[in-house]
Amino acid sequence: MGRPGLRVCPFFLEVLAVYGQGGGWIELICGSMFSGKTEELIRRLVRAEIAKQKVQVFKPSLDHRYHADKVSSHSGSYYEATVVQNSTEIGDLMAEETDVVAIDEVQFFDWQVAELCDRLANQGRRVIVAGLDLDFRGEPFGPMPLLMAQAELVTKLQAICMVCGALASRTQRLIDGQPAHYDDPIIMVGASEVYEARCRLHHVVPRDSRA
Protein backbone atom coordinates (compact mmCIF):
# COMPACT_ATOMS: atom_id res chain seq x y z
CA MET A 1 0.00 0.00 0.00
CA GLY A 2 1.46 3.35 -1.07
CA ARG A 3 2.27 6.20 1.28
CA PRO A 4 -0.48 8.83 1.58
CA GLY A 5 0.16 12.08 -0.27
CA LEU A 6 1.55 15.06 1.62
CA ARG A 7 -1.10 17.65 2.41
CA VAL A 8 0.02 21.26 2.76
CA CYS A 9 -2.40 23.05 5.06
CA PRO A 10 -2.93 26.82 5.42
CA PHE A 11 -1.49 26.67 8.95
CA PHE A 12 1.80 25.35 7.57
CA LEU A 13 1.95 28.27 5.15
CA GLU A 14 1.22 30.68 8.00
CA VAL A 15 4.17 29.25 9.92
CA LEU A 16 6.41 29.81 6.90
CA ALA A 17 5.20 33.40 6.71
CA VAL A 18 5.95 34.07 10.38
CA TYR A 19 9.51 32.75 10.20
CA GLY A 20 10.27 34.00 6.70
CA GLN A 21 11.52 30.65 5.38
CA GLY A 22 9.13 30.10 2.52
CA GLY A 23 9.42 33.22 0.36
CA GLY A 24 6.24 34.34 -1.34
CA TRP A 25 3.34 32.31 -2.65
CA ILE A 26 -0.27 32.49 -3.86
CA GLU A 27 -3.25 30.94 -2.09
CA LEU A 28 -6.55 30.73 -3.96
CA ILE A 29 -9.92 30.16 -2.29
CA CYS A 30 -12.68 29.31 -4.75
CA GLY A 31 -16.11 27.75 -5.04
CA SER A 32 -19.72 28.63 -5.73
CA MET A 33 -21.65 31.40 -4.06
CA PHE A 34 -22.55 30.69 -0.41
CA SER A 35 -19.63 28.25 -0.03
CA GLY A 36 -17.82 30.36 2.58
CA LYS A 37 -15.01 31.82 0.45
CA THR A 38 -14.95 35.26 2.06
CA GLU A 39 -15.42 33.72 5.50
CA GLU A 40 -12.29 31.64 4.92
CA LEU A 41 -10.41 34.65 3.55
CA ILE A 42 -11.26 36.68 6.66
CA ARG A 43 -10.20 33.79 8.91
CA ARG A 44 -6.75 33.73 7.31
CA LEU A 45 -6.42 37.52 7.52
CA VAL A 46 -7.27 37.54 11.23
CA ARG A 47 -4.60 34.89 11.85
CA ALA A 48 -2.07 36.95 9.87
CA GLU A 49 -2.85 39.95 12.08
CA ILE A 50 -2.37 37.85 15.21
CA ALA A 51 1.04 36.90 13.78
CA LYS A 52 1.84 40.66 13.59
CA GLN A 53 1.99 40.66 9.80
CA LYS A 54 1.21 43.77 7.77
CA VAL A 55 -1.98 43.12 5.76
CA GLN A 56 -3.56 44.95 2.81
CA VAL A 57 -6.97 43.92 1.49
CA PHE A 58 -8.58 44.92 -1.81
CA LYS A 59 -11.98 44.45 -3.43
CA PRO A 60 -13.41 45.48 -6.83
CA SER A 61 -15.71 48.49 -7.11
CA LEU A 62 -18.26 46.20 -8.78
CA ASP A 63 -18.95 44.50 -5.46
CA HIS A 64 -21.24 46.96 -3.68
CA ARG A 65 -23.18 44.42 -1.59
CA TYR A 66 -23.27 44.76 2.18
CA HIS A 67 -20.41 47.16 3.14
CA ALA A 68 -18.87 49.34 0.43
CA ASP A 69 -15.42 49.57 2.07
CA LYS A 70 -15.20 46.07 3.54
CA VAL A 71 -15.02 42.50 2.34
CA SER A 72 -18.15 40.93 3.80
CA SER A 73 -19.36 37.35 4.07
CA HIS A 74 -22.99 36.28 3.77
CA SER A 75 -22.87 35.33 7.45
CA GLY A 76 -22.03 38.89 8.50
CA SER A 77 -18.26 38.75 9.03
CA TYR A 78 -16.29 41.62 7.53
CA TYR A 79 -12.79 43.05 7.19
CA GLU A 80 -11.66 46.54 6.16
CA ALA A 81 -10.71 46.77 2.49
CA THR A 82 -9.63 49.26 -0.16
CA VAL A 83 -11.95 49.54 -3.16
CA VAL A 84 -10.20 49.60 -6.54
CA GLN A 85 -11.25 49.80 -10.17
CA ASN A 86 -8.62 47.46 -11.60
CA SER A 87 -5.50 45.48 -10.80
CA THR A 88 -3.20 48.38 -11.70
CA GLU A 89 -4.56 50.33 -8.74
CA ILE A 90 -3.65 47.47 -6.42
CA GLY A 91 -0.03 47.67 -7.54
CA ASP A 92 -0.02 51.45 -7.17
CA LEU A 93 -1.38 51.25 -3.61
CA MET A 94 0.91 48.46 -2.42
CA ALA A 95 2.95 49.43 0.64
CA GLU A 96 6.57 48.29 0.74
CA GLU A 97 6.19 46.81 4.22
CA THR A 98 3.10 44.69 3.37
CA ASP A 99 3.52 40.99 4.13
CA VAL A 100 0.07 39.69 3.16
CA VAL A 101 -2.00 40.88 0.18
CA ALA A 102 -5.62 39.77 -0.11
CA ILE A 103 -8.04 40.26 -3.01
CA ASP A 104 -11.70 39.31 -2.68
CA GLU A 105 -14.05 38.68 -5.63
CA VAL A 106 -10.97 38.36 -7.80
CA GLN A 107 -13.01 36.95 -10.70
CA PHE A 108 -14.25 40.49 -11.43
CA PHE A 109 -10.76 41.79 -12.20
CA ASP A 110 -8.97 41.93 -15.55
CA TRP A 111 -6.58 39.19 -16.62
CA GLN A 112 -3.62 41.34 -15.52
CA VAL A 113 -4.50 40.54 -11.90
CA ALA A 114 -2.82 37.14 -12.38
CA GLU A 115 0.41 38.82 -13.47
CA LEU A 116 0.16 41.17 -10.48
CA CYS A 117 -0.30 38.29 -8.03
CA ASP A 118 2.67 36.47 -9.52
CA ARG A 119 4.83 39.58 -9.18
CA LEU A 120 3.78 40.17 -5.57
CA ALA A 121 4.54 36.55 -4.68
CA ASN A 122 7.94 36.82 -6.35
CA GLN A 123 8.62 39.80 -4.08
CA GLY A 124 8.25 37.49 -1.09
CA ARG A 125 4.68 38.33 -0.15
CA ARG A 126 1.86 35.98 0.79
CA VAL A 127 -0.96 36.57 -1.69
CA ILE A 128 -4.47 35.33 -0.85
CA VAL A 129 -7.21 35.63 -3.47
CA ALA A 130 -10.83 34.50 -3.26
CA GLY A 131 -13.51 34.27 -5.91
CA LEU A 132 -15.99 32.28 -7.97
CA ASP A 133 -14.27 29.65 -10.08
CA LEU A 134 -17.33 29.25 -12.34
CA ASP A 135 -19.80 31.83 -13.65
CA PHE A 136 -23.58 31.30 -13.65
CA ARG A 137 -23.24 29.26 -16.87
CA GLY A 138 -20.90 26.81 -15.14
CA GLU A 139 -17.91 28.01 -17.17
CA PRO A 140 -14.51 29.30 -15.92
CA PHE A 141 -14.85 32.85 -14.62
CA GLY A 142 -12.45 35.54 -15.86
CA PRO A 143 -8.84 35.16 -14.65
CA MET A 144 -9.62 32.27 -12.28
CA PRO A 145 -8.14 29.46 -14.46
CA LEU A 146 -4.78 31.24 -14.69
CA LEU A 147 -4.76 32.06 -10.98
CA MET A 148 -5.54 28.44 -10.13
CA ALA A 149 -2.62 27.30 -12.28
CA GLN A 150 -0.23 29.78 -10.63
CA ALA A 151 -1.27 29.23 -7.01
CA GLU A 152 0.76 27.07 -4.64
CA LEU A 153 -2.36 26.30 -2.62
CA VAL A 154 -5.90 25.98 -4.02
CA THR A 155 -8.80 25.55 -1.60
CA LYS A 156 -12.07 24.65 -3.32
CA LEU A 157 -15.12 25.01 -1.10
CA GLN A 158 -18.63 23.64 -1.64
CA ALA A 159 -21.98 25.03 -0.59
CA ILE A 160 -25.23 23.09 -0.12
CA CYS A 161 -27.60 22.61 -3.05
CA MET A 162 -30.83 24.49 -2.39
CA VAL A 163 -32.80 21.81 -4.28
CA CYS A 164 -31.56 18.50 -2.88
CA GLY A 165 -29.11 19.22 -0.08
CA ALA A 166 -26.11 17.67 -1.83
CA LEU A 167 -22.74 19.39 -2.12
CA ALA A 168 -23.04 22.36 -4.48
CA SER A 169 -20.30 23.43 -6.88
CA ARG A 170 -22.42 25.64 -9.16
CA THR A 171 -24.11 29.04 -8.86
CA GLN A 172 -27.68 29.20 -10.16
CA ARG A 173 -28.88 32.62 -11.33
CA LEU A 174 -32.62 33.16 -11.08
CA ILE A 175 -34.62 35.91 -12.78
CA ASP A 176 -38.14 36.20 -11.36
CA GLY A 177 -37.67 32.71 -9.96
CA GLN A 178 -36.65 31.16 -13.30
CA PRO A 179 -33.17 30.06 -14.44
CA ALA A 180 -31.31 32.80 -16.30
CA HIS A 181 -30.66 32.19 -20.00
CA TYR A 182 -27.18 31.29 -21.22
CA ASP A 183 -26.99 34.49 -23.28
CA ASP A 184 -27.62 36.78 -20.29
CA PRO A 185 -24.71 39.01 -19.15
CA ILE A 186 -21.98 37.17 -17.28
CA ILE A 187 -21.76 39.74 -14.49
CA MET A 188 -24.79 40.60 -12.39
CA VAL A 189 -23.93 41.48 -8.80
CA GLY A 190 -26.40 40.14 -6.27
CA ALA A 191 -26.94 37.78 -3.35
CA SER A 192 -29.70 35.37 -2.33
CA GLU A 193 -32.35 37.40 -4.17
CA VAL A 194 -30.69 36.46 -7.48
CA TYR A 195 -28.52 33.42 -6.83
CA GLU A 196 -28.68 29.95 -5.30
CA ALA A 197 -26.07 27.27 -4.75
CA ARG A 198 -26.80 24.16 -6.82
CA CYS A 199 -25.26 20.76 -7.41
CA ARG A 200 -24.31 19.68 -10.95
CA LEU A 201 -27.61 17.81 -11.38
CA HIS A 202 -29.85 20.74 -10.46
CA HIS A 203 -27.86 23.51 -12.14
CA VAL A 204 -30.03 24.71 -15.06
CA VAL A 205 -28.94 27.09 -17.84
CA PRO A 206 -31.43 27.23 -20.76
CA ARG A 207 -29.82 27.54 -24.20
CA ASP A 208 -32.94 27.39 -26.36
CA SER A 209 -33.76 30.26 -28.73
CA ARG A 210 -35.70 33.12 -27.24
CA ALA A 211 -38.95 34.23 -28.77
C-alpha atoms as a PDB file:
ATOM      1  CA  MET A   1       0.000   0.000   0.000  1.00  0.00           C
ATOM      2  CA  GLY A   2       1.458   3.354  -1.068  1.00  0.00           C
ATOM      3  CA  ARG A   3       2.268   6.202   1.283  1.00  0.00           C
ATOM      4  CA  PRO A   4      -0.480   8.833   1.579  1.00  0.00           C
ATOM      5  CA  GLY A   5       0.164  12.075  -0.271  1.00  0.00           C
ATOM      6  CA  LEU A   6       1.549  15.058   1.625  1.00  0.00           C
ATOM      7  CA  ARG A   7      -1.104  17.651   2.414  1.00  0.00           C
ATOM      8  CA  VAL A   8       0.016  21.263   2.760  1.00  0.00           C
ATOM      9  CA  CYS A   9      -2.396  23.049   5.057  1.00  0.00           C
ATOM     10  CA  PRO A  10      -2.932  26.817   5.421  1.00  0.00           C
ATOM     11  CA  PHE A  11      -1.494  26.673   8.949  1.00  0.00           C
ATOM     12  CA  PHE A  12       1.801  25.352   7.568  1.00  0.00           C
ATOM     13  CA  LEU A  13       1.955  28.271   5.147  1.00  0.00           C
ATOM     14  CA  GLU A  14       1.215  30.681   8.004  1.00  0.00           C
ATOM     15  CA  VAL A  15       4.171  29.253   9.921  1.00  0.00           C
ATOM     16  CA  LEU A  16       6.410  29.812   6.902  1.00  0.00           C
ATOM     17  CA  ALA A  17       5.195  33.400   6.709  1.00  0.00           C
ATOM     18  CA  VAL A  18       5.952  34.066  10.378  1.00  0.00           C
ATOM     19  CA  TYR A  19       9.509  32.746  10.197  1.00  0.00           C
ATOM     20  CA  GLY A  20      10.274  33.998   6.704  1.00  0.00           C
ATOM     21  CA  GLN A  21      11.524  30.653   5.384  1.00  0.00           C
ATOM     22  CA  GLY A  22       9.130  30.103   2.518  1.00  0.00           C
ATOM     23  CA  GLY A  23       9.425  33.216   0.364  1.00  0.00           C
ATOM     24  CA  GLY A  24       6.239  34.341  -1.342  1.00  0.00           C
ATOM     25  CA  TRP A  25       3.337  32.305  -2.653  1.00  0.00           C
ATOM     26  CA  ILE A  26      -0.268  32.489  -3.864  1.00  0.00           C
ATOM     27  CA  GLU A  27      -3.251  30.938  -2.086  1.00  0.00           C
ATOM     28  CA  LEU A  28      -6.554  30.734  -3.960  1.00  0.00           C
ATOM     29  CA  ILE A  29      -9.920  30.164  -2.285  1.00  0.00           C
ATOM     30  CA  CYS A  30     -12.683  29.312  -4.751  1.00  0.00           C
ATOM     31  CA  GLY A  31     -16.110  27.750  -5.044  1.00  0.00           C
ATOM     32  CA  SER A  32     -19.723  28.625  -5.727  1.00  0.00           C
ATOM     33  CA  MET A  33     -21.651  31.397  -4.060  1.00  0.00           C
ATOM     34  CA  PHE A  34     -22.545  30.686  -0.411  1.00  0.00           C
ATOM     35  CA  SER A  35     -19.633  28.250  -0.032  1.00  0.00           C
ATOM     36  CA  GLY A  36     -17.821  30.361   2.578  1.00  0.00           C
ATOM     37  CA  LYS A  37     -15.007  31.820   0.448  1.00  0.00           C
ATOM     38  CA  THR A  38     -14.952  35.263   2.055  1.00  0.00           C
ATOM     39  CA  GLU A  39     -15.420  33.717   5.501  1.00  0.00           C
ATOM     40  CA  GLU A  40     -12.289  31.637   4.925  1.00  0.00           C
ATOM     41  CA  LEU A  41     -10.410  34.652   3.552  1.00  0.00           C
ATOM     42  CA  ILE A  42     -11.265  36.680   6.659  1.00  0.00           C
ATOM     43  CA  ARG A  43     -10.203  33.793   8.914  1.00  0.00           C
ATOM     44  CA  ARG A  44      -6.755  33.732   7.313  1.00  0.00           C
ATOM     45  CA  LEU A  45      -6.424  37.517   7.522  1.00  0.00           C
ATOM     46  CA  VAL A  46      -7.271  37.543  11.227  1.00  0.00           C
ATOM     47  CA  ARG A  47      -4.603  34.895  11.848  1.00  0.00           C
ATOM     48  CA  ALA A  48      -2.074  36.949   9.872  1.00  0.00           C
ATOM     49  CA  GLU A  49      -2.850  39.950  12.080  1.00  0.00           C
ATOM     50  CA  ILE A  50      -2.369  37.848  15.205  1.00  0.00           C
ATOM     51  CA  ALA A  51       1.043  36.902  13.780  1.00  0.00           C
ATOM     52  CA  LYS A  52       1.845  40.656  13.586  1.00  0.00           C
ATOM     53  CA  GLN A  53       1.990  40.663   9.797  1.00  0.00           C
ATOM     54  CA  LYS A  54       1.209  43.769   7.765  1.00  0.00           C
ATOM     55  CA  VAL A  55      -1.981  43.120   5.758  1.00  0.00           C
ATOM     56  CA  GLN A  56      -3.560  44.950   2.814  1.00  0.00           C
ATOM     57  CA  VAL A  57      -6.971  43.919   1.488  1.00  0.00           C
ATOM     58  CA  PHE A  58      -8.580  44.924  -1.815  1.00  0.00           C
ATOM     59  CA  LYS A  59     -11.977  44.450  -3.428  1.00  0.00           C
ATOM     60  CA  PRO A  60     -13.412  45.479  -6.829  1.00  0.00           C
ATOM     61  CA  SER A  61     -15.707  48.489  -7.108  1.00  0.00           C
ATOM     62  CA  LEU A  62     -18.258  46.195  -8.783  1.00  0.00           C
ATOM     63  CA  ASP A  63     -18.952  44.498  -5.459  1.00  0.00           C
ATOM     64  CA  HIS A  64     -21.243  46.957  -3.678  1.00  0.00           C
ATOM     65  CA  ARG A  65     -23.178  44.421  -1.591  1.00  0.00           C
ATOM     66  CA  TYR A  66     -23.273  44.758   2.183  1.00  0.00           C
ATOM     67  CA  HIS A  67     -20.408  47.155   3.139  1.00  0.00           C
ATOM     68  CA  ALA A  68     -18.872  49.343   0.433  1.00  0.00           C
ATOM     69  CA  ASP A  69     -15.422  49.566   2.070  1.00  0.00           C
ATOM     70  CA  LYS A  70     -15.202  46.066   3.540  1.00  0.00           C
ATOM     71  CA  VAL A  71     -15.022  42.499   2.341  1.00  0.00           C
ATOM     72  CA  SER A  72     -18.148  40.925   3.797  1.00  0.00           C
ATOM     73  CA  SER A  73     -19.363  37.352   4.066  1.00  0.00           C
ATOM     74  CA  HIS A  74     -22.987  36.284   3.766  1.00  0.00           C
ATOM     75  CA  SER A  75     -22.869  35.327   7.453  1.00  0.00           C
ATOM     76  CA  GLY A  76     -22.032  38.887   8.498  1.00  0.00           C
ATOM     77  CA  SER A  77     -18.260  38.751   9.029  1.00  0.00           C
ATOM     78  CA  TYR A  78     -16.295  41.625   7.530  1.00  0.00           C
ATOM     79  CA  TYR A  79     -12.793  43.052   7.185  1.00  0.00           C
ATOM     80  CA  GLU A  80     -11.663  46.535   6.163  1.00  0.00           C
ATOM     81  CA  ALA A  81     -10.706  46.769   2.486  1.00  0.00           C
ATOM     82  CA  THR A  82      -9.629  49.256  -0.157  1.00  0.00           C
ATOM     83  CA  VAL A  83     -11.952  49.537  -3.155  1.00  0.00           C
ATOM     84  CA  VAL A  84     -10.196  49.601  -6.544  1.00  0.00           C
ATOM     85  CA  GLN A  85     -11.252  49.803 -10.174  1.00  0.00           C
ATOM     86  CA  ASN A  86      -8.625  47.458 -11.603  1.00  0.00           C
ATOM     87  CA  SER A  87      -5.500  45.478 -10.803  1.00  0.00           C
ATOM     88  CA  THR A  88      -3.198  48.383 -11.703  1.00  0.00           C
ATOM     89  CA  GLU A  89      -4.560  50.333  -8.735  1.00  0.00           C
ATOM     90  CA  ILE A  90      -3.650  47.471  -6.420  1.00  0.00           C
ATOM     91  CA  GLY A  91      -0.030  47.673  -7.542  1.00  0.00           C
ATOM     92  CA  ASP A  92      -0.019  51.448  -7.167  1.00  0.00           C
ATOM     93  CA  LEU A  93      -1.384  51.246  -3.606  1.00  0.00           C
ATOM     94  CA  MET A  94       0.913  48.465  -2.421  1.00  0.00           C
ATOM     95  CA  ALA A  95       2.951  49.434   0.638  1.00  0.00           C
ATOM     96  CA  GLU A  96       6.566  48.289   0.736  1.00  0.00           C
ATOM     97  CA  GLU A  97       6.188  46.808   4.219  1.00  0.00           C
ATOM     98  CA  THR A  98       3.102  44.694   3.369  1.00  0.00           C
ATOM     99  CA  ASP A  99       3.517  40.988   4.134  1.00  0.00           C
ATOM    100  CA  VAL A 100       0.066  39.692   3.164  1.00  0.00           C
ATOM    101  CA  VAL A 101      -1.995  40.883   0.180  1.00  0.00           C
ATOM    102  CA  ALA A 102      -5.624  39.768  -0.111  1.00  0.00           C
ATOM    103  CA  ILE A 103      -8.040  40.257  -3.009  1.00  0.00           C
ATOM    104  CA  ASP A 104     -11.701  39.309  -2.680  1.00  0.00           C
ATOM    105  CA  GLU A 105     -14.053  38.682  -5.632  1.00  0.00           C
ATOM    106  CA  VAL A 106     -10.967  38.359  -7.796  1.00  0.00           C
ATOM    107  CA  GLN A 107     -13.010  36.948 -10.702  1.00  0.00           C
ATOM    108  CA  PHE A 108     -14.249  40.487 -11.429  1.00  0.00           C
ATOM    109  CA  PHE A 109     -10.755  41.790 -12.203  1.00  0.00           C
ATOM    110  CA  ASP A 110      -8.973  41.933 -15.549  1.00  0.00           C
ATOM    111  CA  TRP A 111      -6.581  39.191 -16.617  1.00  0.00           C
ATOM    112  CA  GLN A 112      -3.621  41.336 -15.519  1.00  0.00           C
ATOM    113  CA  VAL A 113      -4.502  40.539 -11.901  1.00  0.00           C
ATOM    114  CA  ALA A 114      -2.819  37.139 -12.383  1.00  0.00           C
ATOM    115  CA  GLU A 115       0.415  38.820 -13.471  1.00  0.00           C
ATOM    116  CA  LEU A 116       0.164  41.168 -10.481  1.00  0.00           C
ATOM    117  CA  CYS A 117      -0.299  38.293  -8.025  1.00  0.00           C
ATOM    118  CA  ASP A 118       2.672  36.473  -9.524  1.00  0.00           C
ATOM    119  CA  ARG A 119       4.834  39.578  -9.185  1.00  0.00           C
ATOM    120  CA  LEU A 120       3.784  40.167  -5.568  1.00  0.00           C
ATOM    121  CA  ALA A 121       4.539  36.545  -4.675  1.00  0.00           C
ATOM    122  CA  ASN A 122       7.944  36.820  -6.349  1.00  0.00           C
ATOM    123  CA  GLN A 123       8.625  39.802  -4.080  1.00  0.00           C
ATOM    124  CA  GLY A 124       8.253  37.490  -1.089  1.00  0.00           C
ATOM    125  CA  ARG A 125       4.677  38.327  -0.147  1.00  0.00           C
ATOM    126  CA  ARG A 126       1.863  35.982   0.795  1.00  0.00           C
ATOM    127  CA  VAL A 127      -0.961  36.573  -1.693  1.00  0.00           C
ATOM    128  CA  ILE A 128      -4.471  35.331  -0.851  1.00  0.00           C
ATOM    129  CA  VAL A 129      -7.214  35.628  -3.468  1.00  0.00           C
ATOM    130  CA  ALA A 130     -10.834  34.504  -3.260  1.00  0.00           C
ATOM    131  CA  GLY A 131     -13.508  34.270  -5.912  1.00  0.00           C
ATOM    132  CA  LEU A 132     -15.991  32.280  -7.969  1.00  0.00           C
ATOM    133  CA  ASP A 133     -14.269  29.654 -10.083  1.00  0.00           C
ATOM    134  CA  LEU A 134     -17.332  29.250 -12.337  1.00  0.00           C
ATOM    135  CA  ASP A 135     -19.801  31.830 -13.647  1.00  0.00           C
ATOM    136  CA  PHE A 136     -23.580  31.301 -13.655  1.00  0.00           C
ATOM    137  CA  ARG A 137     -23.236  29.262 -16.873  1.00  0.00           C
ATOM    138  CA  GLY A 138     -20.903  26.814 -15.143  1.00  0.00           C
ATOM    139  CA  GLU A 139     -17.907  28.014 -17.173  1.00  0.00           C
ATOM    140  CA  PRO A 140     -14.508  29.299 -15.924  1.00  0.00           C
ATOM    141  CA  PHE A 141     -14.852  32.854 -14.617  1.00  0.00           C
ATOM    142  CA  GLY A 142     -12.449  35.541 -15.865  1.00  0.00           C
ATOM    143  CA  PRO A 143      -8.839  35.163 -14.648  1.00  0.00           C
ATOM    144  CA  MET A 144      -9.621  32.274 -12.285  1.00  0.00           C
ATOM    145  CA  PRO A 145      -8.140  29.459 -14.457  1.00  0.00           C
ATOM    146  CA  LEU A 146      -4.779  31.243 -14.694  1.00  0.00           C
ATOM    147  CA  LEU A 147      -4.759  32.060 -10.984  1.00  0.00           C
ATOM    148  CA  MET A 148      -5.544  28.437 -10.129  1.00  0.00           C
ATOM    149  CA  ALA A 149      -2.624  27.300 -12.279  1.00  0.00           C
ATOM    150  CA  GLN A 150      -0.227  29.780 -10.635  1.00  0.00           C
ATOM    151  CA  ALA A 151      -1.269  29.227  -7.015  1.00  0.00           C
ATOM    152  CA  GLU A 152       0.763  27.068  -4.639  1.00  0.00           C
ATOM    153  CA  LEU A 153      -2.358  26.300  -2.620  1.00  0.00           C
ATOM    154  CA  VAL A 154      -5.896  25.979  -4.017  1.00  0.00           C
ATOM    155  CA  THR A 155      -8.803  25.552  -1.604  1.00  0.00           C
ATOM    156  CA  LYS A 156     -12.069  24.646  -3.321  1.00  0.00           C
ATOM    157  CA  LEU A 157     -15.122  25.005  -1.104  1.00  0.00           C
ATOM    158  CA  GLN A 158     -18.629  23.643  -1.641  1.00  0.00           C
ATOM    159  CA  ALA A 159     -21.977  25.028  -0.593  1.00  0.00           C
ATOM    160  CA  ILE A 160     -25.231  23.086  -0.116  1.00  0.00           C
ATOM    161  CA  CYS A 161     -27.602  22.615  -3.050  1.00  0.00           C
ATOM    162  CA  MET A 162     -30.833  24.486  -2.390  1.00  0.00           C
ATOM    163  CA  VAL A 163     -32.801  21.809  -4.279  1.00  0.00           C
ATOM    164  CA  CYS A 164     -31.564  18.496  -2.879  1.00  0.00           C
ATOM    165  CA  GLY A 165     -29.111  19.224  -0.076  1.00  0.00           C
ATOM    166  CA  ALA A 166     -26.110  17.671  -1.835  1.00  0.00           C
ATOM    167  CA  LEU A 167     -22.739  19.389  -2.123  1.00  0.00           C
ATOM    168  CA  ALA A 168     -23.043  22.360  -4.475  1.00  0.00           C
ATOM    169  CA  SER A 169     -20.303  23.433  -6.877  1.00  0.00           C
ATOM    170  CA  ARG A 170     -22.421  25.644  -9.158  1.00  0.00           C
ATOM    171  CA  THR A 171     -24.106  29.040  -8.860  1.00  0.00           C
ATOM    172  CA  GLN A 172     -27.677  29.198 -10.157  1.00  0.00           C
ATOM    173  CA  ARG A 173     -28.876  32.616 -11.330  1.00  0.00           C
ATOM    174  CA  LEU A 174     -32.623  33.162 -11.079  1.00  0.00           C
ATOM    175  CA  ILE A 175     -34.623  35.906 -12.784  1.00  0.00           C
ATOM    176  CA  ASP A 176     -38.140  36.200 -11.361  1.00  0.00           C
ATOM    177  CA  GLY A 177     -37.672  32.708  -9.960  1.00  0.00           C
ATOM    178  CA  GLN A 178     -36.654  31.156 -13.304  1.00  0.00           C
ATOM    179  CA  PRO A 179     -33.170  30.062 -14.436  1.00  0.00           C
ATOM    180  CA  ALA A 180     -31.310  32.804 -16.299  1.00  0.00           C
ATOM    181  CA  HIS A 181     -30.659  32.192 -19.996  1.00  0.00           C
ATOM    182  CA  TYR A 182     -27.181  31.287 -21.220  1.00  0.00           C
ATOM    183  CA  ASP A 183     -26.991  34.491 -23.280  1.00  0.00           C
ATOM    184  CA  ASP A 184     -27.623  36.783 -20.294  1.00  0.00           C
ATOM    185  CA  PRO A 185     -24.714  39.010 -19.151  1.00  0.00           C
ATOM    186  CA  ILE A 186     -21.977  37.168 -17.276  1.00  0.00           C
ATOM    187  CA  ILE A 187     -21.755  39.745 -14.490  1.00  0.00           C
ATOM    188  CA  MET A 188     -24.786  40.596 -12.388  1.00  0.00           C
ATOM    189  CA  VAL A 189     -23.929  41.485  -8.802  1.00  0.00           C
ATOM    190  CA  GLY A 190     -26.399  40.144  -6.269  1.00  0.00           C
ATOM    191  CA  ALA A 191     -26.945  37.783  -3.354  1.00  0.00           C
ATOM    192  CA  SER A 192     -29.705  35.370  -2.328  1.00  0.00           C
ATOM    193  CA  GLU A 193     -32.345  37.397  -4.168  1.00  0.00           C
ATOM    194  CA  VAL A 194     -30.687  36.462  -7.481  1.00  0.00           C
ATOM    195  CA  TYR A 195     -28.516  33.420  -6.827  1.00  0.00           C
ATOM    196  CA  GLU A 196     -28.684  29.949  -5.300  1.00  0.00           C
ATOM    197  CA  ALA A 197     -26.075  27.269  -4.752  1.00  0.00           C
ATOM    198  CA  ARG A 198     -26.799  24.161  -6.818  1.00  0.00           C
ATOM    199  CA  CYS A 199     -25.258  20.756  -7.414  1.00  0.00           C
ATOM    200  CA  ARG A 200     -24.312  19.681 -10.945  1.00  0.00           C
ATOM    201  CA  LEU A 201     -27.606  17.812 -11.383  1.00  0.00           C
ATOM    202  CA  HIS A 202     -29.853  20.737 -10.460  1.00  0.00           C
ATOM    203  CA  HIS A 203     -27.864  23.513 -12.143  1.00  0.00           C
ATOM    204  CA  VAL A 204     -30.026  24.712 -15.055  1.00  0.00           C
ATOM    205  CA  VAL A 205     -28.943  27.089 -17.837  1.00  0.00           C
ATOM    206  CA  PRO A 206     -31.426  27.231 -20.757  1.00  0.00           C
ATOM    207  CA  ARG A 207     -29.822  27.543 -24.197  1.00  0.00           C
ATOM    208  CA  ASP A 208     -32.935  27.387 -26.356  1.00  0.00           C
ATOM    209  CA  SER A 209     -33.760  30.256 -28.726  1.00  0.00           C
ATOM    210  CA  ARG A 210     -35.696  33.120 -27.237  1.00  0.00           C
ATOM    211  CA  ALA A 211     -38.953  34.229 -28.771  1.00  0.00           C
END
